[in-house]
């Protein structure tokens, strides 16, 4: 299986997911115009892959979760 990378920009922050099937992990990176790039979290995806989920779908799910968390964090900072 090949490594899959996906990214999306939320406000001025880019969220990148790198899913590595061989390790069963997905790395979440945050790229901010002010702070540069840093690894936010490593998420296990092995159970999804073993259940037959395509690595692209698992990465997409992790990306959606990360986007929701970042949006929630940004919303809390404005209130």
Protein backbone atom coordinates (compact mmCIF):
# COMPACT_ATOMS: atom_id res chain seq x y z
CA UNK A 1 0.00 0.00 0.00
CA UNK A 2 1.15 3.51 -0.76
CA UNK A 3 1.40 6.47 1.59
CA UNK A 4 -1.51 8.91 1.19
CA UNK A 5 -1.29 12.64 1.82
CA UNK A 6 -4.24 15.03 1.97
CA UNK A 7 -4.51 18.64 3.00
CA UNK A 8 -7.06 21.39 3.41
CA UNK A 9 -6.81 25.04 4.42
CA UNK A 10 -9.01 26.35 7.22
CA UNK A 11 -8.82 30.12 7.64
CA UNK A 12 -5.06 30.73 7.38
CA UNK A 13 -4.04 27.31 8.69
CA UNK A 14 -3.25 24.29 6.51
CA UNK A 15 -3.98 20.86 7.95
CA UNK A 16 -2.09 17.99 6.33
CA UNK A 17 -2.65 14.28 6.90
CA UNK A 18 -0.02 11.71 5.95
CA UNK A 19 -1.37 8.16 6.24
CA UNK A 20 1.22 5.38 6.19
CA UNK A 21 -0.44 1.98 5.78
CA UNK A 22 2.75 0.04 6.58
CA UNK A 23 2.83 1.53 10.09
CA UNK A 24 -0.95 1.79 10.49
CA UNK A 25 -0.60 5.42 11.53
CA UNK A 26 -1.75 8.81 10.23
CA UNK A 27 0.28 11.90 11.06
CA UNK A 28 -1.50 15.24 11.43
CA UNK A 29 0.57 18.31 10.60
CA UNK A 30 -0.45 21.94 11.09
CA UNK A 31 1.08 24.60 8.86
CA UNK A 32 0.40 28.12 10.09
CA UNK A 33 1.60 31.28 8.38
CA UNK A 34 2.82 32.63 11.73
CA UNK A 35 4.19 29.54 13.48
CA UNK A 36 5.52 27.42 10.61
CA UNK A 37 4.86 23.67 10.56
CA UNK A 38 4.55 21.24 13.44
CA UNK A 39 3.22 17.75 14.01
CA UNK A 40 0.02 17.93 15.98
CA UNK A 41 -0.74 14.27 16.57
CA UNK A 42 -0.24 10.69 15.40
CA UNK A 43 -3.47 8.74 15.04
CA UNK A 44 -3.70 4.94 14.72
CA UNK A 45 -5.62 3.83 11.62
CA UNK A 46 -4.60 0.16 11.64
CA UNK A 47 -8.03 -1.03 12.85
CA UNK A 48 -9.71 0.70 9.88
CA UNK A 49 -7.26 -0.81 7.41
CA UNK A 50 -7.68 -4.29 8.90
CA UNK A 51 -11.45 -3.92 8.56
CA UNK A 52 -11.00 -3.31 4.84
CA UNK A 53 -11.29 0.48 4.76
CA UNK A 54 -9.24 2.01 1.97
CA UNK A 55 -6.30 4.09 3.19
CA UNK A 56 -7.70 7.09 1.29
CA UNK A 57 -10.99 6.85 3.19
CA UNK A 58 -9.22 6.44 6.54
CA UNK A 59 -7.05 9.50 5.80
CA UNK A 60 -10.12 11.48 4.76
CA UNK A 61 -11.86 10.58 8.03
CA UNK A 62 -8.83 11.72 10.07
CA UNK A 63 -8.69 14.95 8.05
CA UNK A 64 -12.39 15.67 8.69
CA UNK A 65 -11.88 15.09 12.42
CA UNK A 66 -8.82 17.38 12.49
CA UNK A 67 -10.65 20.14 10.59
CA UNK A 68 -13.57 19.98 13.02
CA UNK A 69 -11.20 20.21 15.99
CA UNK A 70 -9.33 23.20 14.52
CA UNK A 71 -12.58 25.00 13.64
CA UNK A 72 -13.89 24.41 17.17
CA UNK A 73 -10.63 25.75 18.63
CA UNK A 74 -10.76 28.85 16.42
CA UNK A 75 -14.39 29.47 17.38
CA UNK A 76 -13.54 29.25 21.09
CA UNK A 77 -10.71 31.76 20.68
CA UNK A 78 -13.05 34.34 19.14
CA UNK A 79 -15.52 34.17 22.03
